[in-house]
């Protein structure tokens, strides 16, 4: 009889032990799930804040491309024109100051160096005395390459032969974006160009 009681007691202890183990495993699992979910929510929130930074010049005119979907801001004394193929030209007092055009990335070539190459070759008529001055330019957190020099007949949408300027190259999705600025060594116009770049949003 005593042996039977001992067996029942052992079984009861064993059952309680298993219940305790199961409860601990469930609680640990719930704790891991909770903290993982919290980290995921925090990351998502941070990413959203990064991509929704307010533009530097929210008081400027706002334009959203009907073809490519990007948004840019430009001064009130600039005039913007968008063509049927999605190119954008910014003018001031009738003179072209900035233009932007987009090409589909080459499947066989490294896209940015391929687009940049004509500007680095004087004989091609895009730019003379071109120099790569900055490869850390960022446009909406996208790394870009900038070259400066004297613009030729093949540079830009509207030729600005002999003007000093800069051209920016960067890729986004399936496209390469090329932005020309014709500031002719005017520091104020170059600053506007940099601010236009800083306020581009995709």
N, C-alpha and C. Protein backbone atom coordinates (compact mmCIF):
# COMPACT_ATOMS: atom_id res chain seq x y z
N UNK A 1 0.84 -1.20 0.00
CA UNK A 1 0.00 0.00 0.00
C UNK A 1 0.88 1.26 0.00
N UNK A 2 1.92 1.24 0.84
CA UNK A 2 2.84 2.37 0.90
C UNK A 2 3.53 2.55 -0.43
N UNK A 3 3.87 1.41 -1.08
CA UNK A 3 4.53 1.48 -2.39
C UNK A 3 3.62 2.12 -3.42
N UNK A 4 2.31 1.79 -3.38
CA UNK A 4 1.35 2.38 -4.31
C UNK A 4 1.27 3.89 -4.12
N UNK A 5 1.28 4.35 -2.83
CA UNK A 5 1.23 5.79 -2.55
C UNK A 5 2.46 6.50 -3.10
N UNK A 6 3.62 5.80 -2.94
CA UNK A 6 4.86 6.40 -3.42
C UNK A 6 4.82 6.56 -4.94
N UNK A 7 4.25 5.54 -5.61
CA UNK A 7 4.15 5.61 -7.08
C UNK A 7 3.25 6.75 -7.51
N UNK A 8 2.09 6.89 -6.83
CA UNK A 8 1.15 7.97 -7.15
C UNK A 8 1.82 9.31 -6.90
N UNK A 9 2.54 9.43 -5.76
CA UNK A 9 3.23 10.68 -5.44
C UNK A 9 4.28 11.03 -6.47
N UNK A 10 5.02 10.02 -6.93
CA UNK A 10 6.07 10.25 -7.94
C UNK A 10 5.45 10.72 -9.25
N UNK A 11 4.33 10.06 -9.63
CA UNK A 11 3.64 10.46 -10.87
C UNK A 11 3.12 11.88 -10.77
N UNK A 12 2.56 12.23 -9.59
CA UNK A 12 2.04 13.58 -9.40
C UNK A 12 3.14 14.62 -9.49
N UNK A 13 4.28 14.31 -8.86
CA UNK A 13 5.43 15.24 -8.91
C UNK A 13 5.92 15.41 -10.33
N UNK A 14 6.00 14.27 -11.05
CA UNK A 14 6.46 14.31 -12.45
C UNK A 14 5.51 15.14 -13.32
N UNK A 15 4.21 15.01 -13.13
CA UNK A 15 3.23 15.77 -13.92
C UNK A 15 3.37 17.26 -13.65
N UNK A 16 3.50 17.62 -12.35
CA UNK A 16 3.67 19.04 -12.01
C UNK A 16 4.94 19.62 -12.60
N UNK A 17 6.01 18.79 -12.58
CA UNK A 17 7.29 19.24 -13.14
C UNK A 17 7.14 19.55 -14.63
N UNK A 18 6.43 18.69 -15.36
CA UNK A 18 6.21 18.93 -16.80
C UNK A 18 5.37 20.19 -17.03
N UNK A 19 4.38 20.39 -16.20
CA UNK A 19 3.53 21.60 -16.33
C UNK A 19 4.37 22.85 -16.13
N UNK A 20 5.24 22.83 -15.10
CA UNK A 20 6.10 23.98 -14.84
C UNK A 20 7.03 24.25 -16.01
N UNK A 21 7.62 23.16 -16.58
CA UNK A 21 8.53 23.31 -17.73
C UNK A 21 7.80 23.91 -18.92
N UNK A 22 6.58 23.42 -19.20
CA UNK A 22 5.79 23.93 -20.34
C UNK A 22 5.47 25.40 -20.14
N UNK A 23 5.08 25.77 -18.92
CA UNK A 23 4.75 27.18 -18.62
C UNK A 23 5.97 28.07 -18.84
N UNK A 24 7.15 27.61 -18.38
CA UNK A 24 8.38 28.40 -18.56
C UNK A 24 8.70 28.58 -20.03
N UNK A 25 8.60 27.50 -20.81
CA UNK A 25 8.88 27.57 -22.26
C UNK A 25 7.94 28.54 -22.95
N UNK A 26 6.65 28.49 -22.60
CA UNK A 26 5.67 29.40 -23.20
C UNK A 26 5.99 30.85 -22.84
N UNK A 27 6.33 31.11 -21.57
CA UNK A 27 6.65 32.48 -21.16
C UNK A 27 7.90 33.01 -21.86
N UNK A 28 8.92 32.17 -21.98
CA UNK A 28 10.15 32.59 -22.69
C UNK A 28 9.83 32.90 -24.15
N UNK A 29 9.02 32.02 -24.78
CA UNK A 29 8.63 32.24 -26.18
C UNK A 29 7.87 33.55 -26.36
N UNK A 30 6.94 33.83 -25.45
CA UNK A 30 6.18 35.08 -25.52
C UNK A 30 7.09 36.30 -25.32
N UNK A 31 8.07 36.18 -24.41
CA UNK A 31 9.00 37.29 -24.19
C UNK A 31 9.83 37.59 -25.42
N UNK A 32 10.34 36.53 -26.05
CA UNK A 32 11.12 36.71 -27.28
C UNK A 32 10.27 37.34 -28.37
N UNK A 33 9.05 36.86 -28.55
CA UNK A 33 8.13 37.42 -29.58
C UNK A 33 7.86 38.89 -29.33
N UNK A 34 7.63 39.24 -28.05
CA UNK A 34 7.31 40.63 -27.71
C UNK A 34 8.46 41.57 -28.04
N UNK A 35 9.68 41.19 -27.62
CA UNK A 35 10.83 42.07 -27.85
C UNK A 35 11.20 42.14 -29.32
N UNK A 36 11.04 41.04 -30.05
CA UNK A 36 11.30 41.04 -31.50
C UNK A 36 10.32 41.96 -32.19
N UNK A 37 9.05 41.89 -31.81
CA UNK A 37 8.01 42.74 -32.41
C UNK A 37 8.29 44.20 -32.11
N UNK A 38 8.73 44.51 -30.88
CA UNK A 38 9.02 45.89 -30.50
C UNK A 38 10.18 46.45 -31.32
N UNK A 39 11.25 45.64 -31.50
CA UNK A 39 12.40 46.07 -32.31
C UNK A 39 11.99 46.33 -33.75
N UNK A 40 11.13 45.45 -34.28
CA UNK A 40 10.67 45.59 -35.66
C UNK A 40 9.87 46.87 -35.83
N UNK A 41 9.00 47.17 -34.86
CA UNK A 41 8.20 48.40 -34.93
C UNK A 41 9.08 49.63 -34.88
N UNK A 42 10.10 49.58 -34.01
CA UNK A 42 11.01 50.72 -33.88
C UNK A 42 11.75 50.97 -35.18
N UNK A 43 12.23 49.88 -35.81
CA UNK A 43 12.97 50.00 -37.08
C UNK A 43 12.09 50.61 -38.16
N UNK A 44 10.86 50.13 -38.26
CA UNK A 44 9.94 50.65 -39.28
C UNK A 44 9.69 52.13 -39.08
N UNK A 45 9.48 52.53 -37.83
CA UNK A 45 9.23 53.93 -37.53
C UNK A 45 10.43 54.79 -37.92
N UNK A 46 11.63 54.31 -37.60
CA UNK A 46 12.85 55.06 -37.92
C UNK A 46 12.99 55.25 -39.42
N UNK A 47 12.76 54.17 -40.19
CA UNK A 47 12.87 54.25 -41.65
C UNK A 47 11.87 55.27 -42.21
N UNK A 48 10.67 55.27 -41.67
CA UNK A 48 9.64 56.21 -42.14
C UNK A 48 10.08 57.65 -41.89
N UNK A 49 10.66 57.90 -40.70
CA UNK A 49 11.11 59.25 -40.38
C UNK A 49 12.23 59.68 -41.31
N UNK A 50 13.14 58.74 -41.65
CA UNK A 50 14.27 59.07 -42.51
C UNK A 50 13.82 59.51 -43.89
N UNK A 51 12.81 58.84 -44.45
CA UNK A 51 12.37 59.14 -45.81
C UNK A 51 11.38 60.29 -45.88
N UNK A 52 10.94 60.80 -44.71
CA UNK A 52 9.96 61.87 -44.74
C UNK A 52 10.51 63.17 -44.15
N UNK A 53 11.84 63.33 -44.27
CA UNK A 53 12.47 64.56 -43.76
C UNK A 53 11.94 65.76 -44.53
N UNK A 54 11.61 66.81 -43.80
CA UNK A 54 11.07 68.02 -44.44
C UNK A 54 12.13 68.65 -45.34
N UNK A 55 11.73 69.17 -46.50
CA UNK A 55 12.70 69.81 -47.40
C UNK A 55 13.31 71.06 -46.78
N UNK A 56 14.50 71.39 -47.21
CA UNK A 56 15.20 72.57 -46.70
C UNK A 56 14.46 73.85 -47.06
N UNK A 57 13.84 73.86 -48.25
CA UNK A 57 13.13 75.04 -48.73
C UNK A 57 11.67 74.70 -49.03
N UNK A 58 10.91 74.44 -47.98
CA UNK A 58 9.50 74.09 -48.15
C UNK A 58 8.70 75.28 -48.70
N UNK A 59 9.27 76.49 -48.60
CA UNK A 59 8.58 77.68 -49.10
C UNK A 59 8.82 77.88 -50.61
N UNK A 60 9.69 77.07 -51.21
CA UNK A 60 9.91 77.14 -52.65
C UNK A 60 8.74 76.52 -53.39
N UNK A 61 8.72 76.70 -54.70
CA UNK A 61 7.70 76.07 -55.54
C UNK A 61 7.94 74.56 -55.53
N UNK A 62 6.85 73.80 -55.54
CA UNK A 62 6.96 72.33 -55.50
C UNK A 62 6.52 71.74 -56.84
N UNK A 63 7.28 70.76 -57.31
CA UNK A 63 6.96 70.09 -58.57
C UNK A 63 7.11 68.58 -58.38
N UNK A 64 6.14 67.82 -58.88
CA UNK A 64 6.23 66.36 -58.88
C UNK A 64 6.17 65.87 -60.31
N UNK A 65 7.15 65.08 -60.71
CA UNK A 65 7.23 64.57 -62.07
C UNK A 65 6.07 63.64 -62.39
N UNK A 66 5.37 63.92 -63.49
CA UNK A 66 4.24 63.08 -63.88
C UNK A 66 4.70 61.75 -64.44
N UNK A 67 5.95 61.67 -64.90
CA UNK A 67 6.46 60.43 -65.51
C UNK A 67 7.26 59.57 -64.53
N UNK A 68 8.11 60.21 -63.72
CA UNK A 68 9.01 59.45 -62.86
C UNK A 68 8.67 59.53 -61.37
N UNK A 69 7.78 60.42 -60.99
CA UNK A 69 7.27 60.45 -59.62
C UNK A 69 8.12 61.17 -58.60
N UNK A 70 9.29 61.68 -58.96
CA UNK A 70 10.10 62.40 -57.98
C UNK A 70 9.52 63.79 -57.72
N UNK A 71 9.87 64.36 -56.58
CA UNK A 71 9.43 65.70 -56.22
C UNK A 71 10.65 66.60 -56.05
N UNK A 72 10.58 67.80 -56.59
CA UNK A 72 11.67 68.76 -56.42
C UNK A 72 11.11 70.12 -56.05
N UNK A 73 11.92 70.93 -55.39
CA UNK A 73 11.55 72.29 -55.00
C UNK A 73 12.50 73.26 -55.70
N UNK A 74 11.98 74.42 -56.07
CA UNK A 74 12.81 75.40 -56.78
C UNK A 74 12.34 76.81 -56.43
N UNK A 75 13.25 77.80 -56.56
CA UNK A 75 12.90 79.18 -56.15
C UNK A 75 11.74 79.77 -56.95
N UNK A 76 11.05 80.69 -56.34
CA UNK A 76 9.87 81.31 -56.97
C UNK A 76 10.23 82.09 -58.23
N UNK A 77 11.49 82.57 -58.33
CA UNK A 77 11.85 83.34 -59.53
C UNK A 77 12.39 82.44 -60.66
N UNK A 78 12.31 81.13 -60.46
CA UNK A 78 12.66 80.18 -61.51
C UNK A 78 11.38 79.72 -62.21
N UNK A 79 11.51 79.41 -63.50
CA UNK A 79 10.38 78.87 -64.27
C UNK A 79 10.68 77.42 -64.61
N UNK A 80 9.72 76.54 -64.35
CA UNK A 80 9.93 75.11 -64.62
C UNK A 80 9.11 74.66 -65.82
N UNK A 81 9.71 73.85 -66.67
CA UNK A 81 9.02 73.25 -67.82
C UNK A 81 9.31 71.76 -67.83
N UNK A 82 8.25 70.97 -68.01
CA UNK A 82 8.39 69.52 -68.12
C UNK A 82 7.98 69.09 -69.53
N UNK A 83 8.83 68.30 -70.19
CA UNK A 83 8.50 67.85 -71.56
C UNK A 83 7.66 66.58 -71.51
N UNK A 84 7.18 66.17 -72.66
CA UNK A 84 6.36 64.96 -72.77
C UNK A 84 7.14 63.71 -72.38
N UNK A 85 8.46 63.74 -72.55
CA UNK A 85 9.26 62.55 -72.22
C UNK A 85 9.81 62.60 -70.79
N UNK A 86 9.43 63.63 -70.03
CA UNK A 86 9.79 63.69 -68.61
C UNK A 86 11.01 64.50 -68.27
N UNK A 87 11.65 65.15 -69.26
CA UNK A 87 12.78 66.02 -68.93
C UNK A 87 12.26 67.29 -68.25
N UNK A 88 13.10 67.86 -67.40
CA UNK A 88 12.70 69.06 -66.65
C UNK A 88 13.75 70.15 -66.86
N UNK A 89 13.28 71.37 -67.14
CA UNK A 89 14.18 72.51 -67.31
C UNK A 89 13.78 73.62 -66.36
N UNK A 90 14.76 74.17 -65.64
CA UNK A 90 14.53 75.31 -64.76
C UNK A 90 15.26 76.52 -65.32
N UNK A 91 14.52 77.61 -65.53
CA UNK A 91 15.10 78.83 -66.12
C UNK A 91 14.91 80.00 -65.18
N UNK A 92 15.81 80.98 -65.32
CA UNK A 92 15.71 82.21 -64.54
C UNK A 92 15.97 83.37 -65.50
N UNK A 93 14.99 84.26 -65.64
CA UNK A 93 15.13 85.39 -66.55
C UNK A 93 15.39 84.96 -67.99
N UNK A 94 14.82 83.83 -68.38
CA UNK A 94 14.97 83.33 -69.75
C UNK A 94 16.20 82.47 -69.97
N UNK A 95 17.11 82.42 -69.00
CA UNK A 95 18.33 81.61 -69.13
C UNK A 95 18.16 80.29 -68.40
N UNK A 96 18.52 79.19 -69.07
CA UNK A 96 18.43 77.88 -68.44
C UNK A 96 19.47 77.78 -67.32
N UNK A 97 19.02 77.38 -66.14
CA UNK A 97 19.91 77.26 -64.98
C UNK A 97 20.17 75.81 -64.60
N UNK A 98 19.13 74.98 -64.71
CA UNK A 98 19.24 73.56 -64.33
C UNK A 98 18.36 72.75 -65.27
N UNK A 99 18.86 71.58 -65.68
CA UNK A 99 17.96 70.66 -66.37
C UNK A 99 18.19 69.24 -65.85
N UNK A 100 17.20 68.42 -66.02
CA UNK A 100 17.24 67.06 -65.51
C UNK A 100 16.65 66.13 -66.54
N UNK A 101 17.37 65.07 -66.85
CA UNK A 101 16.80 64.05 -67.73
C UNK A 101 17.15 62.67 -67.21
N UNK A 102 16.39 61.69 -67.67
CA UNK A 102 16.47 60.34 -67.14
C UNK A 102 16.66 59.36 -68.28
N UNK A 103 17.56 58.39 -68.08
CA UNK A 103 17.75 57.34 -69.07
C UNK A 103 17.62 55.98 -68.40
N UNK A 104 17.22 54.99 -69.17
CA UNK A 104 17.14 53.62 -68.64
C UNK A 104 18.56 53.08 -68.49
N UNK A 105 18.82 52.39 -67.39
CA UNK A 105 20.16 51.87 -67.13
C UNK A 105 20.57 50.87 -68.21
N UNK A 106 21.83 50.93 -68.59
CA UNK A 106 22.39 49.98 -69.55
C UNK A 106 22.51 48.62 -68.89
N UNK A 107 22.09 47.59 -69.62
CA UNK A 107 22.16 46.24 -69.08
C UNK A 107 23.58 45.68 -69.13
N UNK A 108 24.40 46.22 -70.03
CA UNK A 108 25.74 45.66 -70.24
C UNK A 108 26.86 46.54 -69.69
N UNK A 109 26.52 47.74 -69.21
CA UNK A 109 27.55 48.67 -68.74
C UNK A 109 27.25 49.09 -67.30
N UNK A 110 28.30 49.46 -66.57
CA UNK A 110 28.11 50.03 -65.24
C UNK A 110 27.46 51.40 -65.45
N UNK A 111 26.20 51.59 -65.01
CA UNK A 111 25.37 52.73 -65.45
C UNK A 111 25.96 54.12 -65.29
N UNK A 112 26.42 54.48 -64.08
CA UNK A 112 26.91 55.84 -63.86
C UNK A 112 28.21 56.11 -64.62
N UNK A 113 29.23 55.25 -64.54
CA UNK A 113 30.44 55.49 -65.34
C UNK A 113 30.16 55.57 -66.84
N UNK A 114 29.19 54.78 -67.30
CA UNK A 114 28.82 54.79 -68.73
C UNK A 114 28.23 56.15 -69.12
N UNK A 115 27.36 56.69 -68.26
CA UNK A 115 26.75 58.00 -68.54
C UNK A 115 27.77 59.13 -68.36
N UNK A 116 28.71 58.94 -67.46
CA UNK A 116 29.72 59.95 -67.15
C UNK A 116 30.80 60.06 -68.23
N UNK A 117 31.12 58.95 -68.88
CA UNK A 117 32.25 58.88 -69.82
C UNK A 117 32.30 60.00 -70.86
N UNK A 118 31.18 60.34 -71.55
CA UNK A 118 31.25 61.41 -72.55
C UNK A 118 31.67 62.76 -71.99
N UNK A 119 31.35 63.02 -70.72
CA UNK A 119 31.70 64.30 -70.08
C UNK A 119 33.20 64.38 -69.79
N UNK A 120 33.84 63.23 -69.65
CA UNK A 120 35.26 63.21 -69.32
C UNK A 120 36.15 63.21 -70.56
N UNK A 121 35.53 63.19 -71.74
CA UNK A 121 36.28 63.15 -73.00
C UNK A 121 36.01 64.46 -73.77
N UNK A 122 36.99 65.35 -73.84
CA UNK A 122 36.83 66.66 -74.49
C UNK A 122 36.28 66.55 -75.90
N UNK A 123 36.71 65.51 -76.64
CA UNK A 123 36.34 65.38 -78.05
C UNK A 123 34.86 65.05 -78.25
N UNK A 124 34.17 64.62 -77.20
CA UNK A 124 32.76 64.22 -77.34
C UNK A 124 31.81 65.42 -77.33
N UNK A 125 32.27 66.59 -76.91
CA UNK A 125 31.45 67.79 -76.95
C UNK A 125 30.47 67.98 -75.82
N UNK A 126 30.66 67.24 -74.71
CA UNK A 126 29.78 67.40 -73.56
C UNK A 126 30.35 68.40 -72.55
N UNK A 127 31.64 68.25 -72.27
CA UNK A 127 32.29 69.12 -71.29
C UNK A 127 33.79 69.13 -71.57
N UNK A 128 34.41 70.28 -71.42
CA UNK A 128 35.86 70.34 -71.52
C UNK A 128 36.45 70.63 -70.15
N UNK A 129 37.66 70.17 -69.96
CA UNK A 129 38.34 70.34 -68.67
C UNK A 129 37.52 69.77 -67.52
N UNK A 130 36.84 68.67 -67.78
CA UNK A 130 35.98 68.07 -66.75
C UNK A 130 36.82 67.44 -65.65
N UNK A 131 36.38 67.63 -64.43
CA UNK A 131 37.05 66.97 -63.30
C UNK A 131 35.99 66.46 -62.33
N UNK A 132 36.23 65.28 -61.82
CA UNK A 132 35.31 64.69 -60.84
C UNK A 132 35.65 65.28 -59.49
N UNK A 133 34.80 66.15 -59.01
CA UNK A 133 35.15 66.91 -57.81
C UNK A 133 34.59 66.32 -56.52
N UNK A 134 33.57 65.50 -56.64
CA UNK A 134 32.94 65.00 -55.41
C UNK A 134 32.15 63.75 -55.72
N UNK A 135 32.47 62.66 -55.05
CA UNK A 135 31.71 61.43 -55.24
C UNK A 135 30.88 61.09 -54.01
N UNK A 136 30.73 62.06 -53.12
CA UNK A 136 29.94 61.80 -51.92
C UNK A 136 28.69 62.69 -51.86
N UNK A 137 28.33 63.28 -52.97
CA UNK A 137 27.09 64.05 -53.03
C UNK A 137 25.93 63.09 -52.78
N UNK A 138 24.96 63.52 -52.00
CA UNK A 138 23.80 62.66 -51.78
C UNK A 138 22.52 63.39 -52.15
N UNK A 139 21.65 62.67 -52.82
CA UNK A 139 20.35 63.20 -53.21
C UNK A 139 19.30 62.24 -52.66
N UNK A 140 18.57 62.67 -51.65
CA UNK A 140 17.62 61.81 -50.95
C UNK A 140 18.31 60.52 -50.51
N UNK A 141 19.49 60.66 -49.91
CA UNK A 141 20.30 59.56 -49.39
C UNK A 141 20.87 58.65 -50.47
N UNK A 142 20.82 59.08 -51.73
CA UNK A 142 21.40 58.31 -52.83
C UNK A 142 22.77 58.90 -53.15
N UNK A 143 23.80 58.07 -53.18
CA UNK A 143 25.14 58.54 -53.49
C UNK A 143 25.20 58.92 -54.96
N UNK A 144 25.79 60.08 -55.26
CA UNK A 144 25.87 60.58 -56.63
C UNK A 144 27.30 60.98 -56.96
N UNK A 145 27.57 61.11 -58.26
CA UNK A 145 28.87 61.57 -58.74
C UNK A 145 28.71 62.93 -59.39
N UNK A 146 29.58 63.87 -59.04
CA UNK A 146 29.53 65.21 -59.62
C UNK A 146 30.80 65.50 -60.41
N UNK A 147 30.64 66.10 -61.59
CA UNK A 147 31.79 66.60 -62.35
C UNK A 147 31.56 68.08 -62.66
N UNK A 148 32.62 68.84 -62.77
CA UNK A 148 32.51 70.24 -63.14
C UNK A 148 33.41 70.51 -64.34
N UNK A 149 33.10 71.57 -65.08
CA UNK A 149 33.89 71.94 -66.23
C UNK A 149 33.17 72.98 -67.07
N UNK A 150 33.59 73.12 -68.32
CA UNK A 150 32.94 74.03 -69.26
C UNK A 150 32.03 73.22 -70.17
N UNK A 151 30.75 73.58 -70.19
CA UNK A 151 29.76 72.81 -70.93
C UNK A 151 29.92 72.98 -72.44
N UNK A 152 29.69 71.88 -73.14
CA UNK A 152 29.77 71.90 -74.60
C UNK A 152 28.40 71.80 -75.25
N UNK A 153 28.39 71.65 -76.57
CA UNK A 153 27.15 71.66 -77.34
C UNK A 153 26.26 70.46 -77.06
N UNK A 154 26.83 69.36 -76.59
CA UNK A 154 26.04 68.15 -76.36
C UNK A 154 25.56 67.98 -74.92
N UNK A 155 25.95 68.89 -74.06
CA UNK A 155 25.56 68.78 -72.65
C UNK A 155 24.23 69.46 -72.41
N UNK A 156 23.41 68.83 -71.61
CA UNK A 156 22.13 69.44 -71.24
C UNK A 156 21.07 69.31 -72.31
N UNK A 157 19.88 69.68 -71.95
CA UNK A 157 18.74 69.62 -72.87
C UNK A 157 18.80 70.77 -73.85
N UNK A 158 19.11 71.96 -73.33
CA UNK A 158 19.31 73.15 -74.16
C UNK A 158 20.80 73.50 -74.10
N UNK A 159 21.53 73.45 -75.23
CA UNK A 159 22.98 73.70 -75.21
C UNK A 159 23.34 75.03 -74.54
N UNK A 160 24.36 74.96 -73.70
CA UNK A 160 24.84 76.14 -72.98
C UNK A 160 26.36 76.22 -73.20
N UNK A 161 26.75 76.29 -74.45
CA UNK A 161 28.17 76.21 -74.83
C UNK A 161 28.99 77.31 -74.15
N UNK A 162 30.09 76.89 -73.52
CA UNK A 162 31.02 77.84 -72.92
C UNK A 162 30.71 78.22 -71.49
N UNK A 163 29.56 77.80 -70.96
CA UNK A 163 29.22 78.13 -69.58
C UNK A 163 29.90 77.15 -68.63
N UNK A 164 30.31 77.65 -67.49
CA UNK A 164 30.83 76.78 -66.43
C UNK A 164 29.65 76.14 -65.72
N UNK A 165 29.81 74.89 -65.36
CA UNK A 165 28.72 74.22 -64.66
C UNK A 165 29.12 72.88 -64.08
N UNK A 166 28.14 72.22 -63.51
CA UNK A 166 28.35 70.89 -62.92
C UNK A 166 27.27 69.95 -63.42
N UNK A 167 27.62 68.67 -63.45
CA UNK A 167 26.64 67.64 -63.82
C UNK A 167 26.69 66.55 -62.75
N UNK A 168 25.51 66.12 -62.34
CA UNK A 168 25.36 65.09 -61.32
C UNK A 168 24.82 63.82 -61.97
N UNK A 169 25.36 62.68 -61.58
CA UNK A 169 24.89 61.38 -62.07
C UNK A 169 24.58 60.48 -60.88
N UNK A 170 23.40 59.86 -60.91
CA UNK A 170 23.10 58.86 -59.89
C UNK A 170 22.03 57.90 -60.41
N UNK A 171 21.94 56.74 -59.80
CA UNK A 171 20.93 55.76 -60.21
C UNK A 171 19.87 55.58 -59.15
N UNK A 172 18.67 55.32 -59.61
CA UNK A 172 17.54 55.05 -58.72
C UNK A 172 16.63 54.07 -59.44
N UNK A 173 16.47 52.89 -58.88
CA UNK A 173 15.67 51.87 -59.56
C UNK A 173 16.29 51.49 -60.89
N UNK A 174 15.49 51.52 -61.94
CA UNK A 174 15.98 51.12 -63.27
C UNK A 174 16.55 52.30 -64.06
N UNK A 175 16.62 53.48 -63.45
CA UNK A 175 17.02 54.68 -64.20
C UNK A 175 18.34 55.29 -63.73
N UNK A 176 18.97 56.03 -64.67
CA UNK A 176 20.10 56.90 -64.34
C UNK A 176 19.60 58.33 -64.50
N UNK A 177 19.78 59.14 -63.47
CA UNK A 177 19.38 60.54 -63.49
C UNK A 177 20.60 61.41 -63.76
N UNK A 178 20.46 62.35 -64.68
CA UNK A 178 21.53 63.28 -65.02
C UNK A 178 20.99 64.70 -64.82
N UNK A 179 21.67 65.48 -63.98
CA UNK A 179 21.22 66.85 -63.69
C UNK A 179 22.35 67.81 -64.01
N UNK A 180 22.09 68.72 -64.94
CA UNK A 180 23.09 69.73 -65.33
C UNK A 180 22.75 71.06 -64.67
N UNK A 181 23.80 71.76 -64.24
CA UNK A 181 23.62 73.11 -63.70
C UNK A 181 24.55 74.06 -64.42
N UNK A 182 24.02 75.20 -64.85
CA UNK A 182 24.80 76.17 -65.62
C UNK A 182 24.95 77.45 -64.78
N UNK A 183 25.81 77.43 -63.79
CA UNK A 183 25.92 78.55 -62.86
C UNK A 183 27.03 79.53 -63.23
N UNK A 184 27.90 79.14 -64.18
CA UNK A 184 28.93 80.05 -64.71
C UNK A 184 29.75 80.75 -63.62
N UNK A 185 30.17 79.95 -62.64
CA UNK A 185 31.01 80.43 -61.54
C UNK A 185 30.30 81.40 -60.59
N UNK A 186 28.98 81.50 -60.68
CA UNK A 186 28.23 82.34 -59.75
C UNK A 186 27.94 81.52 -58.49
N UNK A 187 28.53 81.93 -57.38
CA UNK A 187 28.41 81.16 -56.13
C UNK A 187 26.97 81.02 -55.67
N UNK A 188 26.17 82.09 -55.79
CA UNK A 188 24.78 82.05 -55.35
C UNK A 188 23.97 81.06 -56.17
N UNK A 189 24.19 81.03 -57.49
CA UNK A 189 23.47 80.09 -58.36
C UNK A 189 23.89 78.64 -58.07
N UNK A 190 25.17 78.45 -57.76
CA UNK A 190 25.63 77.11 -57.43
C UNK A 190 25.00 76.64 -56.12
N UNK A 191 24.83 77.54 -55.15
CA UNK A 191 24.19 77.19 -53.89
C UNK A 191 22.75 76.77 -54.11
N UNK A 192 22.06 77.47 -55.00
CA UNK A 192 20.68 77.10 -55.33
C UNK A 192 20.64 75.71 -55.93
N UNK A 193 21.60 75.42 -56.82
CA UNK A 193 21.69 74.09 -57.42
C UNK A 193 21.86 73.02 -56.34
N UNK A 194 22.74 73.25 -55.39
CA UNK A 194 22.96 72.28 -54.31
C UNK A 194 21.70 72.10 -53.47
N UNK A 195 20.98 73.19 -53.23
CA UNK A 195 19.75 73.10 -52.45
C UNK A 195 18.65 72.35 -53.21
N UNK A 196 18.59 72.54 -54.53
CA UNK A 196 17.64 71.79 -55.35
C UNK A 196 17.94 70.30 -55.25
N UNK A 197 19.22 69.94 -55.31
CA UNK A 197 19.62 68.54 -55.17
C UNK A 197 19.23 68.01 -53.79
N UNK A 198 19.49 68.80 -52.75
CA UNK A 198 19.22 68.37 -51.38
C UNK A 198 17.73 68.12 -51.15
N UNK A 199 16.88 68.86 -51.89
CA UNK A 199 15.44 68.75 -51.67
C UNK A 199 14.74 67.77 -52.62
N UNK A 200 15.49 67.08 -53.47
CA UNK A 200 14.87 66.07 -54.33
C UNK A 200 14.34 64.92 -53.48
N UNK A 201 13.14 64.45 -53.78
CA UNK A 201 12.53 63.35 -53.04
C UNK A 201 11.96 62.31 -54.02
N UNK A 202 12.14 61.05 -53.67
CA UNK A 202 11.63 59.97 -54.53
C UNK A 202 10.54 59.18 -53.80
